[in-house]
Protein backbone atom coordinates (compact mmCIF):
# COMPACT_ATOMS: atom_id res chain seq x y z
CA UNK A 1 153.51 82.83 81.60
CA UNK A 2 151.69 82.14 85.05
CA UNK A 3 148.38 80.18 85.08
CA UNK A 4 145.43 82.89 85.98
CA UNK A 5 144.56 82.11 89.35
CA UNK A 6 140.91 82.86 88.59
CA UNK A 7 140.78 79.80 86.28
CA UNK A 8 141.58 77.52 89.48
CA UNK A 9 138.64 78.54 91.06
CA UNK A 10 135.69 75.51 91.49
CA UNK A 11 133.11 75.76 89.08
CA UNK A 12 129.51 76.98 90.49
CA UNK A 13 128.05 72.92 89.73
CA UNK A 14 131.02 71.46 92.06
CA UNK A 15 130.88 74.27 94.30
CA UNK A 16 127.35 73.24 95.25
CA UNK A 17 128.16 69.90 95.27
CA UNK A 18 131.14 70.04 98.32
CA UNK A 19 129.95 68.24 100.95
CA UNK A 20 129.82 71.64 103.27
CA UNK A 21 126.94 72.37 100.87
CA UNK A 22 125.14 69.36 99.72
CA UNK A 23 121.83 68.75 102.24
CA UNK A 24 121.82 71.40 104.39
CA UNK A 25 118.78 72.06 103.90
CA UNK A 26 118.86 75.43 102.47
CA UNK A 27 116.64 76.05 99.49
CA UNK A 28 118.31 75.57 96.21
CA UNK A 29 117.77 79.47 95.10
CA UNK A 30 119.15 80.00 98.34
CA UNK A 31 122.32 78.12 97.92
CA UNK A 32 122.99 78.97 94.46
CA UNK A 33 122.85 82.78 95.52
CA UNK A 34 125.38 81.95 98.28
CA UNK A 35 127.53 80.57 95.80
CA UNK A 36 127.65 82.86 93.45
CA UNK A 37 128.09 85.88 96.01
CA UNK A 38 131.23 83.84 97.71
CA UNK A 39 133.02 83.14 93.99
CA UNK A 40 132.50 86.91 93.13
CA UNK A 41 134.20 87.56 96.38
CA UNK A 42 137.25 85.28 95.81
CA UNK A 43 137.03 86.78 92.66
CA UNK A 44 137.44 90.45 93.62
CA UNK A 45 139.79 89.36 96.50
CA UNK A 46 142.55 87.49 93.63
CA UNK A 47 142.04 90.33 91.45
CA UNK A 48 142.95 93.00 94.12
CA UNK A 49 145.62 91.30 95.49
CA UNK A 50 143.93 90.65 98.97
CA UNK A 51 144.93 86.68 98.47
CA UNK A 52 147.85 85.41 97.08
CA UNK A 53 145.98 82.44 95.58
CA UNK A 54 142.52 80.94 95.46
CA UNK A 55 141.24 79.70 98.37
CA UNK A 56 140.43 75.67 98.25
CA UNK A 57 136.82 74.50 97.50
CA UNK A 58 136.20 73.52 100.86
CA UNK A 59 136.97 76.56 102.35
CA UNK A 60 134.84 78.34 99.95
CA UNK A 61 131.93 75.46 100.72
CA UNK A 62 132.63 76.83 104.25
CA UNK A 63 131.86 80.37 103.01
CA UNK A 64 129.04 79.76 100.93
CA UNK A 65 127.18 78.00 103.43
CA UNK A 66 127.70 80.56 106.20
CA UNK A 67 126.40 82.98 103.60
CA UNK A 68 123.27 80.96 103.25
CA UNK A 69 122.58 80.33 106.79
CA UNK A 70 122.42 84.47 106.56
CA UNK A 71 120.67 84.85 103.54
CA UNK A 72 117.75 82.24 105.06
CA UNK A 73 117.72 84.25 109.11
CA UNK A 74 114.52 86.28 108.93
CA UNK A 75 116.26 90.34 108.46
CA UNK A 76 113.39 91.44 111.83
CA UNK A 77 115.38 89.77 114.39
CA UNK A 78 114.70 89.82 118.01
CA UNK A 79 117.10 92.53 119.79
CA UNK A 80 118.25 93.40 122.97
CA UNK A 81 117.57 96.43 124.22
CA UNK A 82 120.25 97.82 126.49
CA UNK A 83 120.65 101.43 125.69
CA UNK A 84 118.20 102.35 128.94
CA UNK A 85 115.65 104.26 126.21
CA UNK A 86 112.08 102.58 127.13
CA UNK A 87 110.37 103.47 123.67
CA UNK A 88 113.27 103.25 121.03
CA UNK A 89 111.45 104.05 117.89
CA UNK A 90 114.62 102.28 116.22
CA UNK A 91 114.48 98.96 118.05
CA UNK A 92 110.16 99.00 117.48
CA UNK A 93 109.34 101.11 120.24
CA UNK A 94 106.97 99.35 122.80
CA UNK A 95 107.25 95.95 123.21
CA UNK A 96 104.15 93.98 123.73
CA UNK A 97 103.15 92.10 126.73
CA UNK A 98 102.23 88.64 127.25
CA UNK A 99 98.60 88.66 126.91
CA UNK A 100 98.74 91.31 123.64
CA UNK A 101 101.20 88.91 121.87
CA UNK A 102 99.38 85.62 122.69
CA UNK A 103 95.99 88.02 121.51
CA UNK A 104 98.55 88.64 117.85
CA UNK A 105 99.19 85.15 117.97
CA UNK A 106 95.60 83.65 118.49
CA UNK A 107 94.07 86.36 115.92
CA UNK A 108 96.81 84.85 113.10
CA UNK A 109 96.18 81.36 113.48
CA UNK A 110 92.98 81.08 112.17
CA UNK A 111 89.89 83.11 111.31
CA UNK A 112 88.26 85.61 113.52
CA UNK A 113 84.87 87.90 114.10
CA UNK A 114 87.00 91.17 112.74
CA UNK A 115 84.35 92.29 110.52
CA UNK A 116 81.34 90.37 111.76
CA UNK A 117 79.00 90.39 114.00
CA UNK A 118 78.03 87.39 115.86
CA UNK A 119 75.08 87.80 117.29
CA UNK A 120 73.36 88.97 114.72
CA UNK A 121 75.30 86.97 112.04
CA UNK A 122 75.83 90.39 109.75
CA UNK A 123 78.50 92.16 108.54
CA UNK A 124 80.41 94.63 111.79
CA UNK A 125 82.78 96.99 112.29
CA UNK A 126 86.48 96.46 113.02
CA UNK A 127 85.78 99.30 115.78
CA UNK A 128 83.71 97.54 118.13
CA UNK A 129 86.62 95.27 119.26
CA UNK A 130 88.27 98.12 121.44
CA UNK A 131 85.60 101.45 121.12
CA UNK A 132 83.65 100.18 124.16
CA UNK A 133 86.84 99.80 126.50
CA UNK A 134 88.18 102.78 125.39
CA UNK A 135 85.50 105.05 126.17
CA UNK A 136 85.32 103.05 129.73
CA UNK A 137 88.95 104.05 130.32
CA UNK A 138 88.97 107.67 129.37
CA UNK A 139 85.49 108.64 129.71
CA UNK A 140 85.31 109.33 125.77
CA UNK A 141 81.47 108.74 123.91
CA UNK A 142 82.98 106.98 120.79
CA UNK A 143 86.36 105.83 119.82
CA UNK A 144 87.92 104.36 116.96
CA UNK A 145 91.34 103.25 116.03
CA UNK A 146 93.98 102.91 112.65
CA UNK A 147 96.90 102.75 111.56
CA UNK A 148 99.17 104.69 113.64
CA UNK A 149 99.23 108.51 114.87
CA UNK A 150 100.03 110.49 112.14
CA UNK A 151 96.97 107.93 110.36
CA UNK A 152 94.75 109.27 112.98
CA UNK A 153 95.45 113.03 113.15
CA UNK A 154 94.91 112.92 108.97
CA UNK A 155 91.34 111.42 109.18
CA UNK A 156 90.72 113.47 112.20
CA UNK A 157 91.76 116.75 110.08
CA UNK A 158 90.14 115.11 106.79
CA UNK A 159 86.78 114.04 108.46
CA UNK A 160 86.46 117.28 110.63
CA UNK A 161 88.48 120.12 109.25
CA UNK A 162 88.55 119.27 105.14
CA UNK A 163 88.25 122.25 103.12
CA UNK A 164 87.79 124.33 106.53
CA UNK A 165 90.34 126.87 108.06
CA UNK A 166 92.22 125.61 111.40
CA UNK A 167 93.56 127.51 113.97
CA UNK A 168 96.83 126.18 115.23
CA UNK A 169 100.12 127.85 117.14
CA UNK A 170 103.21 128.44 115.64
CA UNK A 171 104.86 126.91 118.11
CA UNK A 172 103.10 123.69 117.85
CA UNK A 173 103.62 122.85 113.92
CA UNK A 174 105.52 119.88 115.00
CA UNK A 175 107.79 117.81 112.29
CA UNK A 176 107.78 114.18 114.09
CA UNK A 177 110.45 111.49 112.67
CA UNK A 178 111.21 111.14 108.95
CA UNK A 179 110.50 114.49 108.45
CA UNK A 180 106.51 114.35 108.68
CA UNK A 181 105.29 117.74 109.79
CA UNK A 182 102.02 119.25 110.64
CA UNK A 183 101.48 121.62 107.86
CA UNK A 184 101.96 118.59 105.47
CA UNK A 185 99.44 116.58 107.30
CA UNK A 186 96.58 119.72 106.98
CA UNK A 187 97.66 120.17 103.41
CA UNK A 188 97.08 116.44 102.88
CA UNK A 189 93.92 116.93 104.62
CA UNK A 190 92.35 119.65 102.73
CA UNK A 191 92.27 121.27 105.99
CA UNK A 192 93.69 125.08 105.36
CA UNK A 193 96.71 125.94 108.12
CA UNK A 194 96.25 129.61 109.91
CA UNK A 195 99.19 130.35 112.23
CA UNK A 196 98.24 131.77 115.67
CA UNK A 197 100.50 133.81 118.13
CA UNK A 198 103.67 133.43 117.70
CA UNK A 199 106.98 131.01 118.14
CA UNK A 200 107.48 130.90 122.03
CA UNK A 201 103.71 132.66 122.81
CA UNK A 202 100.18 131.76 122.27
CA UNK A 203 97.56 133.36 124.24
CA UNK A 204 93.69 132.49 123.81
CA UNK A 205 93.52 136.54 122.19
CA UNK A 206 95.30 135.16 118.96
CA UNK A 207 92.75 131.99 118.98
CA UNK A 208 89.98 134.70 119.33
CA UNK A 209 91.18 136.98 116.41
CA UNK A 210 91.80 134.33 114.41
CA UNK A 211 88.37 133.51 114.67
CA UNK A 212 86.80 136.55 114.70
CA UNK A 213 88.85 138.35 111.61
CA UNK A 214 90.18 135.37 110.04
CA UNK A 215 87.57 133.18 109.46
CA UNK A 216 88.98 130.23 111.42
CA UNK A 217 86.25 127.31 111.49
CA UNK A 218 88.37 124.91 113.65
CA UNK A 219 90.76 124.78 116.58
CA UNK A 220 93.80 122.36 116.55
CA UNK A 221 96.11 121.72 119.44
CA UNK A 222 99.33 119.75 118.86
CA UNK A 223 101.36 118.28 121.79
CA UNK A 224 104.98 119.25 121.53
CA UNK A 225 106.14 116.01 122.79
CA UNK A 226 109.68 115.65 121.09
CA UNK A 227 110.44 118.96 122.17
CA UNK A 228 110.11 121.90 124.37
CA UNK A 229 110.50 125.59 123.82
CA UNK A 230 111.37 127.00 127.31
CA UNK A 231 111.83 130.23 128.89
CA UNK A 232 109.61 133.35 128.04
CA UNK A 233 107.15 131.45 126.94
CA UNK A 234 103.32 131.13 126.83
CA UNK A 235 100.82 128.14 126.49
CA UNK A 236 97.15 128.68 125.80
CA UNK A 237 95.11 126.15 127.91
CA UNK A 238 92.99 123.22 126.90
CA UNK A 239 90.47 124.75 128.96
CA UNK A 240 90.68 128.16 127.31
CA UNK A 241 90.15 127.03 124.46
CA UNK A 242 87.39 124.45 124.80
CA UNK A 243 85.60 127.54 125.94
CA UNK A 244 86.56 130.02 123.09
CA UNK A 245 85.32 126.86 121.02
CA UNK A 246 81.78 126.36 122.61
CA UNK A 247 81.07 129.97 122.52
CA UNK A 248 81.64 130.06 118.77
CA UNK A 249 80.84 126.50 118.10
CA UNK A 250 84.07 125.48 116.71
CA UNK A 251 85.64 121.86 117.43
CA UNK A 252 88.33 121.50 119.62
CA UNK A 253 90.93 119.01 118.38
CA UNK A 254 94.29 117.88 119.54
CA UNK A 255 96.66 115.56 118.59
CA UNK A 256 98.25 114.71 121.75
CA UNK A 257 100.56 112.04 120.28
CA UNK A 258 102.31 110.39 123.45
CA UNK A 259 99.58 108.34 124.80
CA UNK A 260 99.43 108.67 128.52
CA UNK A 261 96.01 107.23 129.37
CA UNK A 262 96.05 108.90 133.24
CA UNK A 263 98.44 109.83 135.95
CA UNK A 264 97.44 107.26 137.85
CA UNK A 265 99.26 104.79 135.84
CA UNK A 266 102.59 106.57 135.07
CA UNK A 267 103.30 108.15 138.88
CA UNK A 268 107.30 109.20 137.96
CA UNK A 269 106.10 110.86 135.18
CA UNK A 270 103.01 112.99 136.52
CA UNK A 271 103.94 116.24 134.35
CA UNK A 272 102.77 114.17 130.91
CA UNK A 273 99.71 115.06 129.71
CA UNK A 274 96.85 112.47 129.42
CA UNK A 275 94.09 111.26 127.20
CA UNK A 276 91.16 111.27 130.12
CA UNK A 277 92.55 114.73 131.36
CA UNK A 278 92.76 116.03 127.42
CA UNK A 279 88.65 115.36 127.43
CA UNK A 280 87.85 116.19 131.16
CA UNK A 281 89.46 119.60 130.05
CA UNK A 282 87.24 120.15 127.11
CA UNK A 283 88.75 118.48 123.38
CA UNK A 284 86.55 117.39 121.29
CA UNK A 285 88.61 114.85 119.86
CA UNK A 286 92.21 113.45 121.49
CA UNK A 287 94.55 111.64 118.84
CA UNK A 288 97.14 108.90 120.61
CA UNK A 289 99.74 106.54 119.50
CA UNK A 290 99.27 102.87 120.78
CA UNK A 291 103.03 101.98 120.81
CA UNK A 292 104.71 104.88 123.11
CA UNK A 293 103.23 105.58 126.76
CA UNK A 294 100.04 103.39 126.24
CA UNK A 295 102.50 100.58 125.94
CA UNK A 296 101.02 98.60 122.55
CA UNK A 297 101.11 97.67 119.78
CA UNK A 298 101.55 100.61 116.44
CA UNK A 299 98.30 102.33 116.34
CA UNK A 300 96.58 105.39 116.13
CA UNK A 301 93.50 105.95 118.72
CA UNK A 302 90.97 109.06 118.49
CA UNK A 303 88.81 109.67 121.59
CA UNK A 304 85.86 111.87 122.11
CA UNK A 305 82.38 113.56 121.02
CA UNK A 306 80.37 111.11 119.25
CA UNK A 307 79.14 112.83 116.56
CA UNK A 308 82.97 113.96 115.93
CA UNK A 309 84.17 110.27 115.41
CA UNK A 310 81.70 109.04 114.03
CA UNK A 311 82.76 111.80 110.86
CA UNK A 312 85.91 110.53 111.21
CA UNK A 313 85.00 106.46 110.53
CA UNK A 314 83.06 107.41 107.82
CA UNK A 315 85.95 109.13 105.98
CA UNK A 316 87.68 107.52 102.80
CA UNK A 317 90.93 108.27 104.89
CA UNK A 318 89.95 105.77 107.48
CA UNK A 319 89.92 103.27 105.01
CA UNK A 320 92.93 103.87 103.70
CA UNK A 321 95.01 103.68 107.23
CA UNK A 322 92.64 101.12 108.57
CA UNK A 323 94.29 98.94 111.75
CA UNK A 324 95.01 95.45 110.67
CA UNK A 325 93.41 92.65 112.56
CA UNK A 326 96.90 91.72 114.75
CA UNK A 327 97.89 94.95 116.06
CA UNK A 328 93.89 95.58 116.48
CA UNK A 329 94.34 92.12 118.96
CA UNK A 330 97.19 93.08 120.44
CA UNK A 331 95.51 96.63 121.32
CA UNK A 332 92.55 95.61 122.84
CA UNK A 333 94.65 92.90 125.30
CA UNK A 334 96.68 95.60 126.43
CA UNK A 335 93.66 97.99 127.31
CA UNK A 336 91.96 94.97 129.11
CA UNK A 337 95.29 95.37 131.43
CA UNK A 338 94.27 98.75 132.30
CA UNK A 339 91.07 98.07 133.77
CA UNK A 340 93.73 97.36 136.74
CA UNK A 341 96.32 100.13 137.74
CA UNK A 342 98.68 97.74 139.37
CA UNK A 343 97.81 94.46 136.70
CA UNK A 344 98.60 97.57 134.37
CA UNK A 345 101.96 98.23 136.04
CA UNK A 346 103.22 94.89 136.09
CA UNK A 347 102.30 93.28 133.05
CA UNK A 348 102.70 96.59 130.39
CA UNK A 349 106.60 95.95 129.70
CA UNK A 350 106.52 99.61 128.57
CA UNK A 351 104.75 100.84 132.28
CA UNK A 352 106.73 98.46 134.03
CA UNK A 353 110.22 100.13 132.74
CA UNK A 354 109.04 103.60 133.56
CA UNK A 355 108.08 102.67 136.75
CA UNK A 356 111.04 101.45 137.71
CA UNK A 357 112.78 102.70 141.09
CA UNK A 358 116.02 103.45 141.03
CA UNK A 359 117.04 101.34 143.91
CA UNK A 360 115.62 97.99 142.44
CA UNK A 361 117.73 98.61 139.01
CA UNK A 362 120.89 99.57 141.07
CA UNK A 363 120.39 95.72 142.87
CA UNK A 364 120.42 93.85 139.64
CA UNK A 365 122.87 96.07 137.87
CA UNK A 366 125.06 94.61 140.65
CA UNK A 367 124.42 91.35 140.10
CA UNK A 368 124.58 91.60 136.33
CA UNK A 369 127.98 93.36 136.68
CA UNK A 370 129.50 90.28 139.48
CA UNK A 371 128.01 87.71 136.26
CA UNK A 372 129.76 89.38 133.16
CA UNK A 373 132.65 90.33 135.62
CA UNK A 374 133.60 86.80 135.57
CA UNK A 375 133.01 85.88 131.87
CA UNK A 376 134.96 89.00 130.87
CA UNK A 377 138.14 88.72 133.18
CA UNK A 378 141.08 89.75 131.54
CA UNK A 379 139.21 91.67 129.36
CA UNK A 380 137.32 94.58 130.50
CA UNK A 381 136.52 96.27 133.96
CA UNK A 382 133.05 95.53 134.76
CA UNK A 383 130.59 97.93 137.30
CA UNK A 384 127.31 99.42 138.04
CA UNK A 385 127.44 102.64 137.77
CA UNK A 386 124.20 105.24 137.92
CA UNK A 387 122.59 106.27 134.45
CA UNK A 388 120.02 108.74 132.87
CA UNK A 389 117.94 106.76 131.39
CA UNK A 390 115.39 108.15 128.97
CA UNK A 391 111.65 107.63 127.75
CA UNK A 392 111.84 107.86 124.41
CA UNK A 393 109.44 107.46 121.50
CA UNK A 394 109.40 111.32 121.49
CA UNK A 395 108.15 111.52 124.47
CA UNK A 396 109.25 114.09 127.34
CA UNK A 397 112.50 114.88 126.08
CA UNK A 398 114.22 116.19 128.72
CA UNK A 399 113.30 114.16 131.15
CA UNK A 400 115.81 112.28 132.71
CA UNK A 401 114.76 109.06 134.59
CA UNK A 402 117.04 107.70 137.32
CA UNK A 403 118.56 104.53 136.29
CA UNK A 404 121.72 102.38 136.86
CA UNK A 405 124.11 99.98 134.16
CA UNK A 406 126.84 97.56 134.01
CA UNK A 407 129.69 99.83 132.55
CA UNK A 408 132.28 97.88 130.16
CA UNK A 409 135.60 99.92 130.33
CA UNK A 410 137.96 97.78 127.88
CA UNK A 411 141.26 96.82 129.02
CA UNK A 412 143.64 98.86 126.37
CA UNK A 413 140.60 100.74 125.19
CA UNK A 414 138.78 99.82 121.99
CA UNK A 415 135.03 100.35 123.29
CA UNK A 416 133.81 101.19 119.88
CA UNK A 417 134.92 97.36 118.78
CA UNK A 418 133.30 95.90 122.27
CA UNK A 419 130.00 97.68 121.39
CA UNK A 420 130.13 96.41 117.54
CA UNK A 421 130.79 92.99 118.40
CA UNK A 422 127.83 93.04 121.04
CA UNK A 423 125.93 93.86 118.10
CA UNK A 424 127.18 90.98 116.26
CA UNK A 425 126.08 88.31 118.98
CA UNK A 426 123.63 85.89 117.84
CA UNK A 427 120.94 88.01 119.60
CA UNK A 428 122.24 91.40 119.34
CA UNK A 429 122.84 93.36 122.23
CA UNK A 430 122.72 97.18 121.77
CA UNK A 431 123.79 99.23 124.73
CA UNK A 432 125.45 103.50 124.58
CA UNK A 433 128.80 104.22 124.67
CA UNK A 434 129.68 106.92 127.22
CA UNK A 435 132.72 108.04 127.32
CA UNK A 436 135.35 105.01 127.23
CA UNK A 437 132.70 102.39 128.60
CA UNK A 438 129.68 100.52 126.90
CA UNK A 439 126.73 101.00 129.19
CA UNK A 440 123.99 98.16 129.48
CA UNK A 441 121.63 99.66 131.22
CA UNK A 442 119.22 97.41 133.43
CA UNK A 443 116.01 99.31 132.69
CA UNK A 444 115.15 97.82 129.52
CA UNK A 445 116.27 94.51 130.29
CA UNK A 446 114.32 91.82 131.18
CA UNK A 447 115.16 88.36 132.83
CA UNK A 448 115.18 87.00 129.79
CA UNK A 449 117.38 89.51 128.17
CA UNK A 450 120.02 89.73 130.71
CA UNK A 451 120.76 86.00 130.48
CA UNK A 452 121.02 87.09 126.38
CA UNK A 453 123.58 89.87 127.38
CA UNK A 454 125.70 86.97 129.12
CA UNK A 455 125.21 84.63 126.34
CA UNK A 456 126.66 87.59 124.83
CA UNK A 457 129.85 88.23 126.79
CA UNK A 458 130.59 84.50 126.36
CA UNK A 459 130.25 84.55 122.85
CA UNK A 460 133.16 87.10 122.84
CA UNK A 461 135.69 85.41 125.02
CA UNK A 462 134.73 81.75 123.87
CA UNK A 463 134.06 80.69 127.49
CA UNK A 464 131.89 79.61 129.31
CA UNK A 465 130.43 80.80 132.83
């Protein structure tokens, strides 16, 4: 009877003693886990017939060392976004500018005056760090920031519509990512939903009817930033809703979502509603995201009338969704850049990418394609091609941005394998497949990212440029 091959696998202690694992600098617990999982993998391969015989101990030690390296690496990693989607939700939405990143770094290293008034020497409010500048930039009387826009909307409804009937158009009952729906958030806040109008048409008369005959106590408008209803449609302007609210003494609350501050910062996206514009139109409170068109960290921001914002600050939900010190520092640094439109457009990455002209992207695509052509000669054909980029982040879903990309077409097919190989690079590169080519869009690539793309290509073929 032949010997059981499983018996020829090394014991755990002997495997851990191999030179490849000794003195590697990994924590002991990581080495033990890596060795155990490597041995279990070898057992499965032997039992399934995937191996004709047990691997040598040194080979297993090399496998375990590689596994220990993977286990020790951070799970949240830098990724190169070559998709052309600027606010890519799966890739972290808006990248921070240098000023914002440095501010978060400084706030993380030590103590700060997060909730301490340095002049008075007593407890302060974390809202103070961004309230004044938000009011300066938007024209609001007061402002506050919480963890994200869903939290901002929840706090707004809890404080201002809790236990009251809130009228909202049927065409604005939005579902955002992850299955979170406006009706669900309203229910959690204690507000009673009064649907008005129809999916495609809601007139001011529908809101008037809700106020006069159905007891509406709050007017709620939701910007449908992640979808559009087109064709036979009608929307009720904020100005008309504001006039109705003033006539009956009802607050007008607006979930703007995408967070463009004012038109001067996004000249190419003039169809996008803005925070300042909503306040000028008469909204009493406007909620929006910090990490979408604002280009800052994850945050939910509320601006508007002082009496309403102060009520929101006192609401218990404000504590549940409060913003942390790192995001607050990054948000303040981002907002400070908005004082100079030219500086904001150049130093806030999301704005720079959204405003990038096609001509400049074409020149960069041609230069990157030329470099990749040298590296991938014999593996892919490489060409600079025009593309349609996207805003992303649930903002302006049907709006295409004229862009350019380096298109990599594998010789002999296998574009899915090529795309997977770029994702598996030491610095993963995420592009998008179009027909038979992998597109690496220049709009979402920084100069540093372009170097990472070239390095990934070199690793793919194992050669230097």
